[in-house]
Amino acid sequence: MASTLDQVSAETEQALIAQAEASGLSVDDYLKRLLGVANNIPQIISGSVEEFIQAMESLAEKDVQPLPRDFSREDIYFP
């Protein structure tokens, strides 16, 4: 059975190896990261703006009160 990687030129193979080494990853892990499947978590790499907004809204909490106008970063630290 021929591997799909047999279709990759030697030049491309060397470039992949060099990039993986520069990233401190194995070639397999580097390719997984490029494809968005690192840690077995597929990432959405395409879609419409409407789909993105819908996905973000599905994560949002409902009925959250807005912060006061004078709220600042210092307010999150304990005195």
PDB file of N, CA and C in Angstrom:
ATOM      1  N   MET A   1       0.851  -1.177   0.000  1.00  0.00           N
ATOM      2  CA  MET A   1       0.000   0.000   0.000  1.00  0.00           C
ATOM      3  C   MET A   1       0.894   1.236   0.000  1.00  0.00           C
ATOM      4  N   ALA A   2       0.689   2.113  -0.953  1.00  0.00           N
ATOM      5  CA  ALA A   2       1.497   3.330  -1.057  1.00  0.00           C
ATOM      6  C   ALA A   2       0.977   4.382  -0.089  1.00  0.00           C
ATOM      7  N   SER A   3       1.903   5.064   0.520  1.00  0.00           N
ATOM      8  CA  SER A   3       1.557   6.122   1.461  1.00  0.00           C
ATOM      9  C   SER A   3       1.286   7.417   0.707  1.00  0.00           C
ATOM     10  N   THR A   4       0.391   8.214   1.234  1.00  0.00           N
ATOM     11  CA  THR A   4       0.137   9.529   0.651  1.00  0.00           C
ATOM     12  C   THR A   4       1.393  10.373   0.702  1.00  0.00           C
ATOM     13  N   LEU A   5       2.227  10.143   1.701  1.00  0.00           N
ATOM     14  CA  LEU A   5       3.447  10.924   1.837  1.00  0.00           C
ATOM     15  C   LEU A   5       4.443  10.638   0.728  1.00  0.00           C
ATOM     16  N   ASP A   6       4.244   9.553  -0.017  1.00  0.00           N
ATOM     17  CA  ASP A   6       5.100   9.285  -1.170  1.00  0.00           C
ATOM     18  C   ASP A   6       4.917  10.366  -2.237  1.00  0.00           C
ATOM     19  N   GLN A   7       3.820  11.095  -2.169  1.00  0.00           N
ATOM     20  CA  GLN A   7       3.534  12.149  -3.135  1.00  0.00           C
ATOM     21  C   GLN A   7       4.221  13.467  -2.776  1.00  0.00           C
ATOM     22  N   VAL A   8       4.835  13.536  -1.598  1.00  0.00           N
ATOM     23  CA  VAL A   8       5.507  14.756  -1.145  1.00  0.00           C
ATOM     24  C   VAL A   8       6.931  14.754  -1.672  1.00  0.00           C
ATOM     25  N   SER A   9       7.336  15.866  -2.270  1.00  0.00           N
ATOM     26  CA  SER A   9       8.691  15.941  -2.818  1.00  0.00           C
ATOM     27  C   SER A   9       9.721  15.969  -1.698  1.00  0.00           C
ATOM     28  N   ALA A  10      10.960  15.621  -2.039  1.00  0.00           N
ATOM     29  CA  ALA A  10      12.050  15.626  -1.059  1.00  0.00           C
ATOM     30  C   ALA A  10      12.275  17.034  -0.512  1.00  0.00           C
ATOM     31  N   GLU A  11      12.114  18.030  -1.358  1.00  0.00           N
ATOM     32  CA  GLU A  11      12.285  19.423  -0.924  1.00  0.00           C
ATOM     33  C   GLU A  11      11.237  19.804   0.127  1.00  0.00           C
ATOM     34  N   THR A  12       9.995  19.405  -0.116  1.00  0.00           N
ATOM     35  CA  THR A  12       8.924  19.691   0.840  1.00  0.00           C
ATOM     36  C   THR A  12       9.149  18.925   2.133  1.00  0.00           C
ATOM     37  N   GLU A  13       9.595  17.691   2.011  1.00  0.00           N
ATOM     38  CA  GLU A  13       9.887  16.879   3.193  1.00  0.00           C
ATOM     39  C   GLU A  13      10.956  17.546   4.055  1.00  0.00           C
ATOM     40  N   GLN A  14      12.018  18.013   3.439  1.00  0.00           N
ATOM     41  CA  GLN A  14      13.089  18.674   4.187  1.00  0.00           C
ATOM     42  C   GLN A  14      12.592  19.964   4.844  1.00  0.00           C
ATOM     43  N   ALA A  15      11.744  20.700   4.153  1.00  0.00           N
ATOM     44  CA  ALA A  15      11.188  21.927   4.727  1.00  0.00           C
ATOM     45  C   ALA A  15      10.321  21.609   5.942  1.00  0.00           C
ATOM     46  N   LEU A  16       9.527  20.549   5.854  1.00  0.00           N
ATOM     47  CA  LEU A  16       8.701  20.130   6.990  1.00  0.00           C
ATOM     48  C   LEU A  16       9.559  19.725   8.180  1.00  0.00           C
ATOM     49  N   ILE A  17      10.591  18.961   7.912  1.00  0.00           N
ATOM     50  CA  ILE A  17      11.490  18.521   8.979  1.00  0.00           C
ATOM     51  C   ILE A  17      12.142  19.728   9.646  1.00  0.00           C
ATOM     52  N   ALA A  18      12.611  20.670   8.844  1.00  0.00           N
ATOM     53  CA  ALA A  18      13.274  21.861   9.388  1.00  0.00           C
ATOM     54  C   ALA A  18      12.310  22.692  10.231  1.00  0.00           C
ATOM     55  N   GLN A  19      11.093  22.882   9.744  1.00  0.00           N
ATOM     56  CA  GLN A  19      10.106  23.663  10.491  1.00  0.00           C
ATOM     57  C   GLN A  19       9.704  22.957  11.782  1.00  0.00           C
ATOM     58  N   ALA A  20       9.546  21.640  11.721  1.00  0.00           N
ATOM     59  CA  ALA A  20       9.192  20.879  12.921  1.00  0.00           C
ATOM     60  C   ALA A  20      10.296  20.984  13.960  1.00  0.00           C
ATOM     61  N   GLU A  21      11.537  20.815  13.526  1.00  0.00           N
ATOM     62  CA  GLU A  21      12.669  20.918  14.453  1.00  0.00           C
ATOM     63  C   GLU A  21      12.761  22.316  15.051  1.00  0.00           C
ATOM     64  N   ALA A  22      12.543  23.339  14.232  1.00  0.00           N
ATOM     65  CA  ALA A  22      12.595  24.717  14.726  1.00  0.00           C
ATOM     66  C   ALA A  22      11.494  24.984  15.750  1.00  0.00           C
ATOM     67  N   SER A  23      10.393  24.259  15.630  1.00  0.00           N
ATOM     68  CA  SER A  23       9.283  24.407  16.570  1.00  0.00           C
ATOM     69  C   SER A  23       9.423  23.491  17.776  1.00  0.00           C
ATOM     70  N   GLY A  24      10.442  22.620  17.745  1.00  0.00           N
ATOM     71  CA  GLY A  24      10.635  21.681  18.844  1.00  0.00           C
ATOM     72  C   GLY A  24       9.616  20.555  18.850  1.00  0.00           C
ATOM     73  N   LEU A  25       9.116  20.209  17.678  1.00  0.00           N
ATOM     74  CA  LEU A  25       8.086  19.179  17.556  1.00  0.00           C
ATOM     75  C   LEU A  25       8.537  18.081  16.613  1.00  0.00           C
ATOM     76  N   SER A  26       7.897  16.922  16.752  1.00  0.00           N
ATOM     77  CA  SER A  26       8.098  15.881  15.749  1.00  0.00           C
ATOM     78  C   SER A  26       7.361  16.324  14.484  1.00  0.00           C
ATOM     79  N   VAL A  27       7.707  15.721  13.364  1.00  0.00           N
ATOM     80  CA  VAL A  27       7.032  16.077  12.111  1.00  0.00           C
ATOM     81  C   VAL A  27       5.541  15.778  12.229  1.00  0.00           C
ATOM     82  N   ASP A  28       5.192  14.653  12.846  1.00  0.00           N
ATOM     83  CA  ASP A  28       3.789  14.288  13.016  1.00  0.00           C
ATOM     84  C   ASP A  28       3.048  15.338  13.842  1.00  0.00           C
ATOM     85  N   ASP A  29       3.624  15.734  14.981  1.00  0.00           N
ATOM     86  CA  ASP A  29       2.979  16.745  15.823  1.00  0.00           C
ATOM     87  C   ASP A  29       2.908  18.095  15.112  1.00  0.00           C
ATOM     88  N   TYR A  30       3.944  18.429  14.359  1.00  0.00           N
ATOM     89  CA  TYR A  30       3.953  19.687  13.613  1.00  0.00           C
ATOM     90  C   TYR A  30       2.824  19.703  12.573  1.00  0.00           C
ATOM     91  N   LEU A  31       2.675  18.605  11.838  1.00  0.00           N
ATOM     92  CA  LEU A  31       1.604  18.523  10.846  1.00  0.00           C
ATOM     93  C   LEU A  31       0.233  18.579  11.511  1.00  0.00           C
ATOM     94  N   LYS A  32       0.084  17.909  12.653  1.00  0.00           N
ATOM     95  CA  LYS A  32      -1.191  17.961  13.376  1.00  0.00           C
ATOM     96  C   LYS A  32      -1.517  19.387  13.785  1.00  0.00           C
ATOM     97  N   ARG A  33      -0.502  20.121  14.242  1.00  0.00           N
ATOM     98  CA  ARG A  33      -0.720  21.516  14.634  1.00  0.00           C
ATOM     99  C   ARG A  33      -1.119  22.345  13.419  1.00  0.00           C
ATOM    100  N   LEU A  34      -0.454  22.132  12.294  1.00  0.00           N
ATOM    101  CA  LEU A  34      -0.799  22.872  11.076  1.00  0.00           C
ATOM    102  C   LEU A  34      -2.229  22.588  10.628  1.00  0.00           C
ATOM    103  N   LEU A  35      -2.644  21.349  10.788  1.00  0.00           N
ATOM    104  CA  LEU A  35      -3.981  20.950  10.357  1.00  0.00           C
ATOM    105  C   LEU A  35      -5.053  21.282  11.385  1.00  0.00           C
ATOM    106  N   GLY A  36      -4.631  21.709  12.570  1.00  0.00           N
ATOM    107  CA  GLY A  36      -5.594  22.052  13.606  1.00  0.00           C
ATOM    108  C   GLY A  36      -6.169  20.857  14.320  1.00  0.00           C
ATOM    109  N   VAL A  37      -5.440  19.757  14.355  1.00  0.00           N
ATOM    110  CA  VAL A  37      -5.936  18.570  15.045  1.00  0.00           C
ATOM    111  C   VAL A  37      -5.027  18.176  16.206  1.00  0.00           C
ATOM    112  N   ALA A  38      -4.242  19.119  16.717  1.00  0.00           N
ATOM    113  CA  ALA A  38      -3.389  18.835  17.870  1.00  0.00           C
ATOM    114  C   ALA A  38      -4.275  18.479  19.056  1.00  0.00           C
ATOM    115  N   ASN A  39      -3.843  17.531  19.853  1.00  0.00           N
ATOM    116  CA  ASN A  39      -4.576  17.073  21.035  1.00  0.00           C
ATOM    117  C   ASN A  39      -5.957  16.526  20.695  1.00  0.00           C
ATOM    118  N   ASN A  40      -6.122  16.044  19.480  1.00  0.00           N
ATOM    119  CA  ASN A  40      -7.382  15.463  19.020  1.00  0.00           C
ATOM    120  C   ASN A  40      -8.555  16.429  19.121  1.00  0.00           C
ATOM    121  N   ILE A  41      -8.288  17.731  19.049  1.00  0.00           N
ATOM    122  CA  ILE A  41      -9.339  18.733  19.089  1.00  0.00           C
ATOM    123  C   ILE A  41      -9.361  19.441  17.741  1.00  0.00           C
ATOM    124  N   PRO A  42     -10.268  19.038  16.858  1.00  0.00           N
ATOM    125  CA  PRO A  42     -10.306  19.705  15.558  1.00  0.00           C
ATOM    126  C   PRO A  42     -10.698  21.166  15.716  1.00  0.00           C
ATOM    127  N   GLN A  43     -10.089  22.021  14.934  1.00  0.00           N
ATOM    128  CA  GLN A  43     -10.385  23.443  14.991  1.00  0.00           C
ATOM    129  C   GLN A  43     -11.136  23.836  13.733  1.00  0.00           C
ATOM    130  N   ILE A  44     -12.050  24.773  13.910  1.00  0.00           N
ATOM    131  CA  ILE A  44     -12.786  25.287  12.761  1.00  0.00           C
ATOM    132  C   ILE A  44     -11.848  26.207  11.994  1.00  0.00           C
ATOM    133  N   ILE A  45     -11.624  25.911  10.730  1.00  0.00           N
ATOM    134  CA  ILE A  45     -10.713  26.745   9.951  1.00  0.00           C
ATOM    135  C   ILE A  45     -11.433  27.495   8.841  1.00  0.00           C
ATOM    136  N   SER A  46     -12.732  27.299   8.754  1.00  0.00           N
ATOM    137  CA  SER A  46     -13.491  28.049   7.766  1.00  0.00           C
ATOM    138  C   SER A  46     -14.908  28.227   8.285  1.00  0.00           C
ATOM    139  N   GLY A  47     -15.611  29.114   7.683  1.00  0.00           N
ATOM    140  CA  GLY A  47     -16.985  29.369   8.079  1.00  0.00           C
ATOM    141  C   GLY A  47     -17.306  30.836   7.889  1.00  0.00           C
ATOM    142  N   SER A  48     -18.575  31.128   7.952  1.00  0.00           N
ATOM    143  CA  SER A  48     -19.002  32.504   7.737  1.00  0.00           C
ATOM    144  C   SER A  48     -18.919  33.298   9.032  1.00  0.00           C
ATOM    145  N   VAL A  49     -18.985  34.592   8.892  1.00  0.00           N
ATOM    146  CA  VAL A  49     -18.995  35.476  10.057  1.00  0.00           C
ATOM    147  C   VAL A  49     -20.229  35.181  10.903  1.00  0.00           C
ATOM    148  N   GLU A  50     -21.338  34.915  10.247  1.00  0.00           N
ATOM    149  CA  GLU A  50     -22.570  34.610  10.963  1.00  0.00           C
ATOM    150  C   GLU A  50     -22.419  33.347  11.810  1.00  0.00           C
ATOM    151  N   GLU A  51     -21.746  32.333  11.265  1.00  0.00           N
ATOM    152  CA  GLU A  51     -21.511  31.104  12.031  1.00  0.00           C
ATOM    153  C   GLU A  51     -20.619  31.375  13.231  1.00  0.00           C
ATOM    154  N   PHE A  52     -19.620  32.227  13.064  1.00  0.00           N
ATOM    155  CA  PHE A  52     -18.735  32.581  14.166  1.00  0.00           C
ATOM    156  C   PHE A  52     -19.517  33.308  15.261  1.00  0.00           C
ATOM    157  N   ILE A  53     -20.321  34.288  14.865  1.00  0.00           N
ATOM    158  CA  ILE A  53     -21.109  35.040  15.843  1.00  0.00           C
ATOM    159  C   ILE A  53     -22.070  34.112  16.576  1.00  0.00           C
ATOM    160  N   GLN A  54     -22.702  33.209  15.861  1.00  0.00           N
ATOM    161  CA  GLN A  54     -23.623  32.258  16.478  1.00  0.00           C
ATOM    162  C   GLN A  54     -22.889  31.367  17.474  1.00  0.00           C
ATOM    163  N   ALA A  55     -21.693  30.915  17.127  1.00  0.00           N
ATOM    164  CA  ALA A  55     -20.913  30.074  18.034  1.00  0.00           C
ATOM    165  C   ALA A  55     -20.523  30.849  19.284  1.00  0.00           C
ATOM    166  N   MET A  56     -20.125  32.102  19.129  1.00  0.00           N
ATOM    167  CA  MET A  56     -19.745  32.920  20.287  1.00  0.00           C
ATOM    168  C   MET A  56     -20.946  33.201  21.178  1.00  0.00           C
ATOM    169  N   GLU A  57     -22.093  33.476  20.569  1.00  0.00           N
ATOM    170  CA  GLU A  57     -23.297  33.735  21.352  1.00  0.00           C
ATOM    171  C   GLU A  57     -23.748  32.502  22.116  1.00  0.00           C
ATOM    172  N   SER A  58     -23.485  31.318  21.579  1.00  0.00           N
ATOM    173  CA  SER A  58     -23.863  30.094  22.287  1.00  0.00           C
ATOM    174  C   SER A  58     -23.030  29.895  23.547  1.00  0.00           C
ATOM    175  N   LEU A  59     -21.857  30.523  23.607  1.00  0.00           N
ATOM    176  CA  LEU A  59     -20.994  30.419  24.780  1.00  0.00           C
ATOM    177  C   LEU A  59     -21.278  31.504  25.816  1.00  0.00           C
ATOM    178  N   ALA A  60     -21.970  32.543  25.410  1.00  0.00           N
ATOM    179  CA  ALA A  60     -22.190  33.693  26.288  1.00  0.00           C
ATOM    180  C   ALA A  60     -23.199  33.367  27.383  1.00  0.00           C
ATOM    181  N   GLU A  61     -22.981  33.977  28.544  1.00  0.00           N
ATOM    182  CA  GLU A  61     -23.932  33.837  29.642  1.00  0.00           C
ATOM    183  C   GLU A  61     -25.086  34.804  29.403  1.00  0.00           C
ATOM    184  N   LYS A  62     -26.257  34.411  29.858  1.00  0.00           N
ATOM    185  CA  LYS A  62     -27.446  35.242  29.679  1.00  0.00           C
ATOM    186  C   LYS A  62     -27.616  36.167  30.882  1.00  0.00           C
ATOM    187  N   ASP A  63     -28.214  37.313  30.661  1.00  0.00           N
ATOM    188  CA  ASP A  63     -28.565  38.269  31.715  1.00  0.00           C
ATOM    189  C   ASP A  63     -27.389  38.671  32.587  1.00  0.00           C
ATOM    190  N   VAL A  64     -26.251  38.933  32.008  1.00  0.00           N
ATOM    191  CA  VAL A  64     -25.081  39.397  32.752  1.00  0.00           C
ATOM    192  C   VAL A  64     -25.168  40.916  32.863  1.00  0.00           C
ATOM    193  N   GLN A  65     -25.021  41.402  34.088  1.00  0.00           N
ATOM    194  CA  GLN A  65     -25.082  42.844  34.320  1.00  0.00           C
ATOM    195  C   GLN A  65     -23.806  43.504  33.808  1.00  0.00           C
ATOM    196  N   PRO A  66     -23.921  44.655  33.169  1.00  0.00           N
ATOM    197  CA  PRO A  66     -22.714  45.344  32.698  1.00  0.00           C
ATOM    198  C   PRO A  66     -21.902  45.875  33.880  1.00  0.00           C
ATOM    199  N   LEU A  67     -20.614  46.018  33.677  1.00  0.00           N
ATOM    200  CA  LEU A  67     -19.739  46.559  34.716  1.00  0.00           C
ATOM    201  C   LEU A  67     -19.965  48.065  34.839  1.00  0.00           C
ATOM    202  N   PRO A  68     -19.698  48.618  36.034  1.00  0.00           N
ATOM    203  CA  PRO A  68     -19.833  50.072  36.194  1.00  0.00           C
ATOM    204  C   PRO A  68     -18.868  50.807  35.263  1.00  0.00           C
ATOM    205  N   ARG A  69     -19.215  52.016  34.890  1.00  0.00           N
ATOM    206  CA  ARG A  69     -18.386  52.808  33.980  1.00  0.00           C
ATOM    207  C   ARG A  69     -16.998  53.069  34.541  1.00  0.00           C
ATOM    208  N   ASP A  70     -16.900  53.178  35.868  1.00  0.00           N
ATOM    209  CA  ASP A  70     -15.606  53.491  36.476  1.00  0.00           C
ATOM    210  C   ASP A  70     -14.811  52.237  36.853  1.00  0.00           C
ATOM    211  N   PHE A  71     -15.237  51.067  36.396  1.00  0.00           N
ATOM    212  CA  PHE A  71     -14.533  49.818  36.686  1.00  0.00           C
ATOM    213  C   PHE A  71     -13.167  49.846  36.006  1.00  0.00           C
ATOM    214  N   SER A  72     -12.141  49.442  36.759  1.00  0.00           N
ATOM    215  CA  SER A  72     -10.794  49.428  36.193  1.00  0.00           C
ATOM    216  C   SER A  72     -10.093  48.129  36.563  1.00  0.00           C
ATOM    217  N   ARG A  73      -8.950  47.930  35.999  1.00  0.00           N
ATOM    218  CA  ARG A  73      -8.174  46.722  36.265  1.00  0.00           C
ATOM    219  C   ARG A  73      -7.847  46.591  37.750  1.00  0.00           C
ATOM    220  N   GLU A  74      -7.610  47.689  38.428  1.00  0.00           N
ATOM    221  CA  GLU A  74      -7.283  47.654  39.852  1.00  0.00           C
ATOM    222  C   GLU A  74      -8.422  47.063  40.680  1.00  0.00           C
ATOM    223  N   ASP A  75      -9.653  47.163  40.185  1.00  0.00           N
ATOM    224  CA  ASP A  75     -10.806  46.653  40.925  1.00  0.00           C
ATOM    225  C   ASP A  75     -10.810  45.134  41.052  1.00  0.00           C
ATOM    226  N   ILE A  76     -10.060  44.429  40.240  1.00  0.00           N
ATOM    227  CA  ILE A  76     -10.065  42.967  40.328  1.00  0.00           C
ATOM    228  C   ILE A  76      -9.072  42.436  41.346  1.00  0.00           C
ATOM    229  N   TYR A  77      -8.188  43.289  41.846  1.00  0.00           N
ATOM    230  CA  TYR A  77      -7.187  42.862  42.816  1.00  0.00           C
ATOM    231  C   TYR A  77      -7.711  43.069  44.230  1.00  0.00           C
ATOM    232  N   PHE A  78      -7.305  42.181  45.134  1.00  0.00           N
ATOM    233  CA  PHE A  78      -7.690  42.328  46.535  1.00  0.00           C
ATOM    234  C   PHE A  78      -6.892  43.463  47.163  1.00  0.00           C
ATOM    235  N   PRO A  79      -7.527  44.230  48.069  1.00  0.00           N
ATOM    236  CA  PRO A  79      -6.790  45.338  48.707  1.00  0.00           C
ATOM    237  C   PRO A  79      -5.714  44.854  49.658  1.00  0.00           C
TER     238      PRO A  79
END
